[in-house]
């Protein structure tokens, strides 16, 4: 009996010590998420993300609970939209900031970021996801930068007249001789460098990727992608691309979407959707396919949870990048509110401490964890902005 009690006390002490270490590291770190598709959903549904929401992955309440310090708000529309929609979404972020000035503040430099975090507010940054939103005009880059654009993703899934996307390069929609950046595309990269706006290489095709790396005089960001060698999907980076980011001084920020993390997820999800095909078709006719899948998952949450990967898989991708190019070149870009499935337990920004816990379990030091959680991105912003 005494042996059992002693063992229990040791176990409880170990749990307490781990919790104390986790809390210390997580609270001291500057936690940065480099990609969240929050604003599009906010406009579409009219929700107030300043208050706790029953749906979605982000609001200011849960951001605070999860220790999130900096959120890059994605400005996104598909290829049918452009500059006007980008500004509409930026307007919505400005409105949120005006409504909750004690909780959130726009920043564009590392110094501003650090000051706002010290003031216990969420630092908001802007990432424009898709070069089509500049509508082939360099002056639109200038205007978006003045409004706070911190990075421009050169393509979304669609290509532009000056850059080819991963989707179009791999599908053959863009022929090899037409892939990559043309002269105007290189001017875009040069203008971004001049303005101190990060060049984001998530979503771009391999030819565009290497053209941009060769053109950029500053470190690049890959705001929400994973490792191809673990899960070979077109949106993930191959090892040579990861090495090129390391040589450039850039940062690869890991996407939390199950389909990018887990090589088995695609087939599992296909079987799940096929099982509920009749219901999915009815929902699609009513809501559109993307919203229909979200609704279907909510209706069969227990079943959908079975196919979600473990949080450990996020850190597996981190481990791979660290092994290839070192601890200074990896960060977090969750893609919350931009996908239908994330690892089990990662339901919102409130769950970020689970990433820290997994990093501790993997033997990362306090210093290295702080780099992964946000320190590397702060360094990147300093390299881009000069402050």
Protein backbone atom coordinates (compact mmCIF):
# COMPACT_ATOMS: atom_id res chain seq x y z
CA UNK A 1 0.00 0.00 0.00
CA UNK A 2 2.82 2.40 0.90
CA UNK A 3 4.54 1.63 -2.41
CA UNK A 4 1.30 2.38 -4.29
CA UNK A 5 0.80 5.71 -2.49
CA UNK A 6 4.43 6.70 -3.07
CA UNK A 7 4.11 5.87 -6.76
CA UNK A 8 0.91 7.91 -6.99
CA UNK A 9 2.55 10.91 -5.32
CA UNK A 10 5.52 10.73 -7.69
CA UNK A 11 3.13 10.54 -10.64
CA UNK A 12 1.09 13.51 -9.41
CA UNK A 13 4.26 15.52 -8.81
CA UNK A 14 5.42 14.74 -12.34
CA UNK A 15 2.09 15.86 -13.81
CA UNK A 16 2.19 19.06 -11.76
CA UNK A 17 5.78 19.79 -12.80
CA UNK A 18 4.90 19.26 -16.46
CA UNK A 19 1.88 21.54 -16.19
CA UNK A 20 4.00 24.22 -14.53
CA UNK A 21 6.65 24.00 -17.25
CA UNK A 22 4.00 24.08 -19.99
CA UNK A 23 2.29 27.11 -18.52
CA UNK A 24 5.58 29.00 -18.05
CA UNK A 25 6.80 28.44 -21.60
CA UNK A 26 3.42 29.09 -23.20
CA UNK A 27 2.83 32.31 -21.29
CA UNK A 28 6.33 33.69 -21.88
CA UNK A 29 6.41 32.89 -25.61
CA UNK A 30 5.08 35.24 -28.28
CA UNK A 31 2.59 32.91 -29.97
CA UNK A 32 1.97 33.74 -33.64
CA UNK A 33 -0.49 32.15 -36.07
CA UNK A 34 0.49 33.21 -39.59
CA UNK A 35 -2.75 32.23 -41.31
CA UNK A 36 -6.40 32.36 -40.25
CA UNK A 37 -9.38 32.60 -42.66
CA UNK A 38 -11.50 34.49 -40.17
CA UNK A 39 -12.58 37.65 -41.95
CA UNK A 40 -14.28 35.98 -44.92
CA UNK A 41 -16.53 34.00 -42.58
CA UNK A 42 -17.13 37.05 -40.41
CA UNK A 43 -18.43 39.04 -43.38
CA UNK A 44 -20.42 36.14 -44.78
CA UNK A 45 -22.23 35.28 -41.54
CA UNK A 46 -22.15 38.64 -39.76
CA UNK A 47 -20.82 37.12 -36.53
CA UNK A 48 -19.09 39.20 -33.86
CA UNK A 49 -15.73 37.54 -33.31
CA UNK A 50 -15.10 39.87 -30.40
CA UNK A 51 -17.41 37.58 -28.44
CA UNK A 52 -17.28 33.85 -27.71
CA UNK A 53 -18.76 31.97 -30.68
CA UNK A 54 -20.31 28.48 -30.66
CA UNK A 55 -18.98 27.74 -34.16
CA UNK A 56 -15.77 28.39 -36.04
CA UNK A 57 -12.20 28.23 -34.79
CA UNK A 58 -11.50 31.82 -33.76
CA UNK A 59 -12.78 34.65 -31.64
CA UNK A 60 -11.04 37.08 -29.32
CA UNK A 61 -12.21 35.21 -26.23
CA UNK A 62 -10.71 31.88 -27.29
CA UNK A 63 -7.59 33.60 -28.62
CA UNK A 64 -7.01 34.91 -25.11
CA UNK A 65 -7.69 31.49 -23.60
CA UNK A 66 -5.15 29.85 -25.92
CA UNK A 67 -2.44 32.41 -25.27
CA UNK A 68 -2.48 33.60 -28.89
CA UNK A 69 -0.55 36.87 -29.16
CA UNK A 70 -0.46 37.59 -32.89
CA UNK A 71 -2.97 36.62 -35.56
CA UNK A 72 -2.34 37.10 -39.26
CA UNK A 73 -5.82 37.67 -40.66
CA UNK A 74 -6.10 36.24 -44.16
CA UNK A 75 -7.65 38.44 -46.84
CA UNK A 76 -9.12 35.94 -49.27
CA UNK A 77 -11.48 35.59 -52.21
CA UNK A 78 -11.52 33.16 -55.09
CA UNK A 79 -10.48 34.11 -58.61
CA UNK A 80 -13.81 35.83 -59.29
CA UNK A 81 -12.99 38.55 -56.75
CA UNK A 82 -10.25 41.13 -56.50
CA UNK A 83 -8.99 44.37 -55.03
CA UNK A 84 -12.39 45.67 -53.92
CA UNK A 85 -13.14 42.52 -51.92
CA UNK A 86 -9.67 42.64 -50.36
CA UNK A 87 -10.37 46.15 -49.12
CA UNK A 88 -13.81 45.13 -47.88
CA UNK A 89 -12.25 42.47 -45.69
CA UNK A 90 -9.59 44.86 -44.42
CA UNK A 91 -12.43 47.26 -43.58
CA UNK A 92 -14.04 44.51 -41.50
CA UNK A 93 -10.81 44.03 -39.54
CA UNK A 94 -10.59 47.78 -38.97
CA UNK A 95 -14.18 47.73 -37.70
CA UNK A 96 -13.37 44.93 -35.27
CA UNK A 97 -10.39 46.89 -33.95
CA UNK A 98 -12.48 50.04 -33.52
CA UNK A 99 -15.10 48.03 -31.63
CA UNK A 100 -12.60 46.31 -29.32
CA UNK A 101 -9.63 48.70 -28.98
CA UNK A 102 -8.81 47.28 -25.57
CA UNK A 103 -8.46 43.76 -26.98
CA UNK A 104 -6.92 44.04 -30.45
CA UNK A 105 -4.62 46.39 -32.36
CA UNK A 106 -3.22 46.45 -35.91
CA UNK A 107 0.57 46.20 -36.17
CA UNK A 108 2.99 46.22 -39.11
CA UNK A 109 6.42 46.12 -37.45
CA UNK A 110 8.12 43.85 -34.94
CA UNK A 111 8.45 46.71 -32.46
CA UNK A 112 4.73 47.47 -32.64
CA UNK A 113 4.01 43.76 -32.28
CA UNK A 114 6.10 43.44 -29.14
CA UNK A 115 4.58 46.58 -27.60
CA UNK A 116 1.01 45.41 -28.22
CA UNK A 117 1.74 41.95 -26.81
CA UNK A 118 3.23 43.55 -23.69
CA UNK A 119 0.01 45.55 -23.41
CA UNK A 120 -1.97 42.29 -23.21
CA UNK A 121 -3.78 42.84 -26.51
CA UNK A 122 -3.94 40.68 -29.63
CA UNK A 123 -1.64 42.02 -32.34
CA UNK A 124 -3.45 41.85 -35.69
CA UNK A 125 -1.50 41.48 -38.92
CA UNK A 126 -2.76 41.18 -42.49
CA UNK A 127 -1.91 38.52 -45.08
CA UNK A 128 -3.41 38.90 -48.56
CA UNK A 129 -3.93 35.37 -49.91
CA UNK A 130 -3.77 35.52 -53.66
CA UNK A 131 -1.95 37.69 -56.17
CA UNK A 132 -5.13 37.99 -58.27
CA UNK A 133 -6.30 40.61 -55.77
CA UNK A 134 -3.73 43.13 -57.00
CA UNK A 135 -5.36 42.91 -60.46
CA UNK A 136 -2.02 43.19 -62.28
CA UNK A 137 -1.31 46.62 -60.77
CA UNK A 138 1.79 47.46 -58.76
CA UNK A 139 0.08 50.53 -57.28
CA UNK A 140 -2.48 48.20 -55.68
CA UNK A 141 0.42 46.55 -53.82
CA UNK A 142 1.37 50.00 -52.53
CA UNK A 143 -2.20 50.70 -51.41
CA UNK A 144 -2.61 47.35 -49.65
CA UNK A 145 0.75 47.81 -47.93
CA UNK A 146 -0.38 51.21 -46.64
CA UNK A 147 -3.46 49.52 -45.19
CA UNK A 148 -1.29 47.01 -43.32
CA UNK A 149 -0.57 44.11 -45.68
CA UNK A 150 2.31 42.20 -44.07
CA UNK A 151 2.53 39.43 -46.68
CA UNK A 152 1.19 38.68 -50.14
CA UNK A 153 0.63 35.06 -51.15
CA UNK A 154 1.67 35.14 -54.80
CA UNK A 155 -1.11 32.75 -55.85
CA UNK A 156 -4.07 31.04 -54.31
CA UNK A 157 -5.17 27.78 -56.01
CA UNK A 158 -5.72 29.77 -59.20
CA UNK A 159 -2.83 31.07 -61.29
CA UNK A 160 -2.50 34.66 -62.40
CA UNK A 161 -1.19 35.97 -65.70
CA UNK A 162 2.19 36.42 -63.98
CA UNK A 163 2.47 33.41 -61.61
CA UNK A 164 1.45 29.76 -61.61
CA UNK A 165 -0.13 27.94 -58.67
CA UNK A 166 0.64 24.49 -57.27
CA UNK A 167 -2.84 23.34 -58.28
CA UNK A 168 -2.45 24.43 -61.90
CA UNK A 169 1.15 23.30 -62.31
CA UNK A 170 0.46 19.79 -61.01
CA UNK A 171 -2.82 19.37 -62.92
CA UNK A 172 -1.22 20.42 -66.19
CA UNK A 173 -3.55 23.39 -66.59
CA UNK A 174 -0.44 25.54 -66.90
CA UNK A 175 2.10 24.17 -69.37
CA UNK A 176 5.69 23.86 -68.19
CA UNK A 177 6.95 26.53 -70.59
CA UNK A 178 4.43 29.01 -69.18
CA UNK A 179 4.95 28.17 -65.50
CA UNK A 180 6.66 30.36 -62.92
CA UNK A 181 7.01 34.12 -62.70
CA UNK A 182 7.10 36.28 -65.80
CA UNK A 183 8.78 39.70 -65.83
CA UNK A 184 5.80 41.36 -64.16
CA UNK A 185 5.76 38.65 -61.49
CA UNK A 186 9.39 39.40 -60.70
CA UNK A 187 8.48 43.08 -60.45
CA UNK A 188 5.81 42.11 -57.90
CA UNK A 189 8.40 40.33 -55.74
CA UNK A 190 10.78 43.28 -56.05
CA UNK A 191 8.04 45.74 -55.05
CA UNK A 192 7.14 43.62 -52.03
CA UNK A 193 10.81 43.56 -50.99
CA UNK A 194 11.04 47.33 -51.35
CA UNK A 195 7.93 47.90 -49.23
CA UNK A 196 8.96 45.43 -46.53
CA UNK A 197 6.04 43.10 -47.32
CA UNK A 198 6.82 39.40 -46.97
CA UNK A 199 6.66 37.21 -50.07
CA UNK A 200 4.44 34.24 -49.19
CA UNK A 201 5.06 31.01 -51.11
CA UNK A 202 2.21 28.83 -49.84
CA UNK A 203 -0.04 27.72 -52.72
CA UNK A 204 2.49 28.53 -55.46
CA UNK A 205 3.76 26.01 -57.99
CA UNK A 206 7.35 24.73 -57.88
CA UNK A 207 8.46 26.89 -60.81
CA UNK A 208 6.95 29.99 -59.23
CA UNK A 209 8.51 29.00 -55.90
CA UNK A 210 12.05 28.82 -57.26
CA UNK A 211 11.63 31.93 -59.42
CA UNK A 212 10.46 33.87 -56.36
CA UNK A 213 13.30 32.57 -54.18
CA UNK A 214 15.80 33.58 -56.87
CA UNK A 215 14.23 37.04 -57.23
CA UNK A 216 13.68 37.95 -53.59
CA UNK A 217 16.43 39.81 -51.77
CA UNK A 218 14.75 39.17 -48.42
CA UNK A 219 13.67 36.05 -46.51
CA UNK A 220 10.34 34.58 -47.58
CA UNK A 221 7.48 33.10 -45.60
CA UNK A 222 5.52 29.93 -46.35
CA UNK A 223 2.49 30.87 -44.31
CA UNK A 224 0.49 27.62 -44.17
CA UNK A 225 2.03 24.48 -45.67
CA UNK A 226 3.43 21.12 -44.55
CA UNK A 227 6.12 18.60 -45.59
CA UNK A 228 5.58 16.73 -48.87
CA UNK A 229 7.77 13.81 -47.84
CA UNK A 230 5.34 13.03 -45.01
CA UNK A 231 2.19 13.71 -47.03
CA UNK A 232 2.69 14.07 -50.81
CA UNK A 233 -0.01 16.56 -51.77
CA UNK A 234 0.70 19.49 -54.15
CA UNK A 235 0.23 22.12 -51.41
CA UNK A 236 3.10 20.74 -49.34
CA UNK A 237 6.80 21.53 -49.77
CA UNK A 238 9.28 18.99 -51.09
CA UNK A 239 12.55 18.61 -49.20
CA UNK A 240 14.54 20.62 -51.75
CA UNK A 241 12.03 23.46 -51.42
CA UNK A 242 12.33 23.36 -47.63
CA UNK A 243 16.12 23.50 -47.96
CA UNK A 244 15.77 26.48 -50.30
CA UNK A 245 13.68 28.32 -47.68
CA UNK A 246 16.36 27.60 -45.09
CA UNK A 247 19.11 28.91 -47.38
CA UNK A 248 17.01 32.02 -48.05
CA UNK A 249 16.58 32.60 -44.29
CA UNK A 250 12.81 32.16 -44.45
CA UNK A 251 10.27 30.34 -42.30
CA UNK A 252 7.89 27.47 -43.08
CA UNK A 253 4.71 27.69 -40.98
CA UNK A 254 2.91 24.39 -40.46
CA UNK A 255 -0.70 24.07 -41.60
CA UNK A 256 -3.04 22.20 -39.24
CA UNK A 257 -5.45 20.92 -41.93
CA UNK A 258 -5.85 17.15 -41.58
CA UNK A 259 -5.58 16.67 -45.34
CA UNK A 260 -2.12 18.27 -45.45
CA UNK A 261 -0.83 16.58 -42.29
CA UNK A 262 -2.04 13.01 -42.65
CA UNK A 263 -1.43 10.88 -45.78
CA UNK A 264 -4.31 8.57 -44.77
CA UNK A 265 -6.87 11.31 -44.24
CA UNK A 266 -7.93 11.72 -47.86
CA UNK A 267 -9.08 8.12 -48.29
CA UNK A 268 -10.76 8.11 -44.87
CA UNK A 269 -12.65 11.30 -45.62
CA UNK A 270 -13.67 9.98 -49.04
CA UNK A 271 -15.18 6.90 -47.39
CA UNK A 272 -16.95 9.08 -44.80
CA UNK A 273 -18.50 11.29 -47.49
CA UNK A 274 -19.47 8.30 -49.61
CA UNK A 275 -21.26 6.73 -46.66
CA UNK A 276 -23.37 9.87 -46.27
CA UNK A 277 -23.63 10.67 -49.99
CA UNK A 278 -27.40 11.14 -50.09
CA UNK A 279 -27.36 13.53 -47.14
CA UNK A 280 -24.37 15.38 -48.61
CA UNK A 281 -26.12 15.90 -51.94
CA UNK A 282 -29.19 17.33 -50.23
CA UNK A 283 -27.05 19.65 -48.10
CA UNK A 284 -24.97 20.70 -51.11
CA UNK A 285 -28.08 21.72 -53.02
CA UNK A 286 -29.11 23.87 -50.07
CA UNK A 287 -25.80 25.32 -48.84
CA UNK A 288 -23.12 24.63 -51.47
CA UNK A 289 -20.61 21.78 -51.17
CA UNK A 290 -18.11 23.41 -48.79
CA UNK A 291 -20.73 24.43 -46.24
CA UNK A 292 -22.49 21.11 -46.78
CA UNK A 293 -19.37 19.18 -45.72
CA UNK A 294 -19.03 21.32 -42.59
CA UNK A 295 -22.70 20.70 -41.75
CA UNK A 296 -22.38 16.97 -42.42
CA UNK A 297 -19.37 16.70 -40.11
CA UNK A 298 -21.25 18.57 -37.35
CA UNK A 299 -24.16 16.15 -37.73
CA UNK A 300 -21.88 13.11 -37.43
CA UNK A 301 -19.17 14.56 -35.20
CA UNK A 302 -18.29 11.36 -33.34
CA UNK A 303 -17.84 9.48 -36.59
CA UNK A 304 -15.87 12.36 -38.15
CA UNK A 305 -13.58 12.55 -35.11
CA UNK A 306 -12.42 8.98 -35.69
CA UNK A 307 -10.64 9.95 -38.91
CA UNK A 308 -8.93 13.06 -37.50
CA UNK A 309 -5.17 12.69 -36.96
CA UNK A 310 -3.43 13.14 -33.62
CA UNK A 311 -1.91 16.48 -32.58
CA UNK A 312 1.44 14.69 -32.60
CA UNK A 313 1.37 14.75 -36.40
CA UNK A 314 1.73 18.54 -36.39
CA UNK A 315 4.97 18.15 -34.47
CA UNK A 316 6.08 15.35 -36.81
CA UNK A 317 6.05 17.87 -39.66
CA UNK A 318 7.88 20.39 -37.44
CA UNK A 319 10.48 17.74 -36.59
CA UNK A 320 11.05 17.02 -40.27
CA UNK A 321 11.69 20.67 -41.12
CA UNK A 322 13.94 21.18 -38.09
CA UNK A 323 15.97 18.13 -39.12
CA UNK A 324 16.38 19.52 -42.65
CA UNK A 325 17.08 23.21 -42.04
CA UNK A 326 17.28 23.86 -38.30
CA UNK A 327 15.18 25.30 -35.52
CA UNK A 328 15.22 28.88 -36.86
CA UNK A 329 13.01 28.19 -39.87
CA UNK A 330 9.70 26.78 -38.66
CA UNK A 331 6.51 28.33 -37.29
CA UNK A 332 2.75 27.81 -37.09
CA UNK A 333 0.11 28.74 -39.67
CA UNK A 334 -2.99 26.86 -38.60
CA UNK A 335 -5.42 27.72 -41.43
CA UNK A 336 -8.22 27.82 -38.83
CA UNK A 337 -11.62 28.68 -40.32
CA UNK A 338 -10.19 27.72 -43.70
CA UNK A 339 -10.63 23.93 -43.59
CA UNK A 340 -13.15 21.36 -42.41
CA UNK A 341 -10.90 19.13 -40.32
CA UNK A 342 -8.03 19.60 -37.88
CA UNK A 343 -6.28 17.15 -35.51
CA UNK A 344 -8.34 15.70 -32.71
CA UNK A 345 -8.35 18.16 -29.84
CA UNK A 346 -7.35 21.12 -32.01
CA UNK A 347 -10.80 22.64 -32.30
CA UNK A 348 -9.91 26.31 -32.02
CA UNK A 349 -7.22 28.82 -31.11
CA UNK A 350 -7.98 28.01 -27.46
CA UNK A 351 -6.18 24.69 -27.97
CA UNK A 352 -2.72 26.06 -28.74
CA UNK A 353 -1.25 24.89 -25.39
CA UNK A 354 -1.59 21.34 -26.75
CA UNK A 355 1.06 22.17 -29.35
CA UNK A 356 3.40 23.43 -26.65
CA UNK A 357 2.79 20.28 -24.62
CA UNK A 358 3.63 18.10 -27.62
CA UNK A 359 6.81 20.06 -28.28
CA UNK A 360 7.90 19.55 -24.66
CA UNK A 361 7.21 15.81 -25.00
CA UNK A 362 9.42 15.77 -28.10
CA UNK A 363 12.33 17.12 -26.09
CA UNK A 364 12.53 20.66 -27.43
CA UNK A 365 14.17 23.18 -25.13
CA UNK A 366 12.35 26.23 -23.80
CA UNK A 367 14.36 28.46 -26.14
CA UNK A 368 13.55 26.34 -29.19
CA UNK A 369 9.84 26.11 -28.36
CA UNK A 370 9.65 29.89 -28.14
CA UNK A 371 11.24 30.12 -31.60
CA UNK A 372 8.70 27.70 -33.07
CA UNK A 373 5.70 29.34 -31.42
CA UNK A 374 6.55 32.77 -32.79
CA UNK A 375 10.13 33.89 -32.30
CA UNK A 376 11.15 32.84 -35.79
CA UNK A 377 8.36 34.87 -37.37
CA UNK A 378 9.30 37.93 -35.29
CA UNK A 379 12.82 37.56 -36.66
CA UNK A 380 11.38 37.33 -40.18
CA UNK A 381 9.33 40.50 -39.76
CA UNK A 382 12.44 42.33 -38.53
CA UNK A 383 14.39 41.11 -41.57
CA UNK A 384 11.62 42.30 -43.89
CA UNK A 385 10.71 45.62 -42.24
CA UNK A 386 14.04 46.51 -40.71
CA UNK A 387 12.45 47.02 -37.28
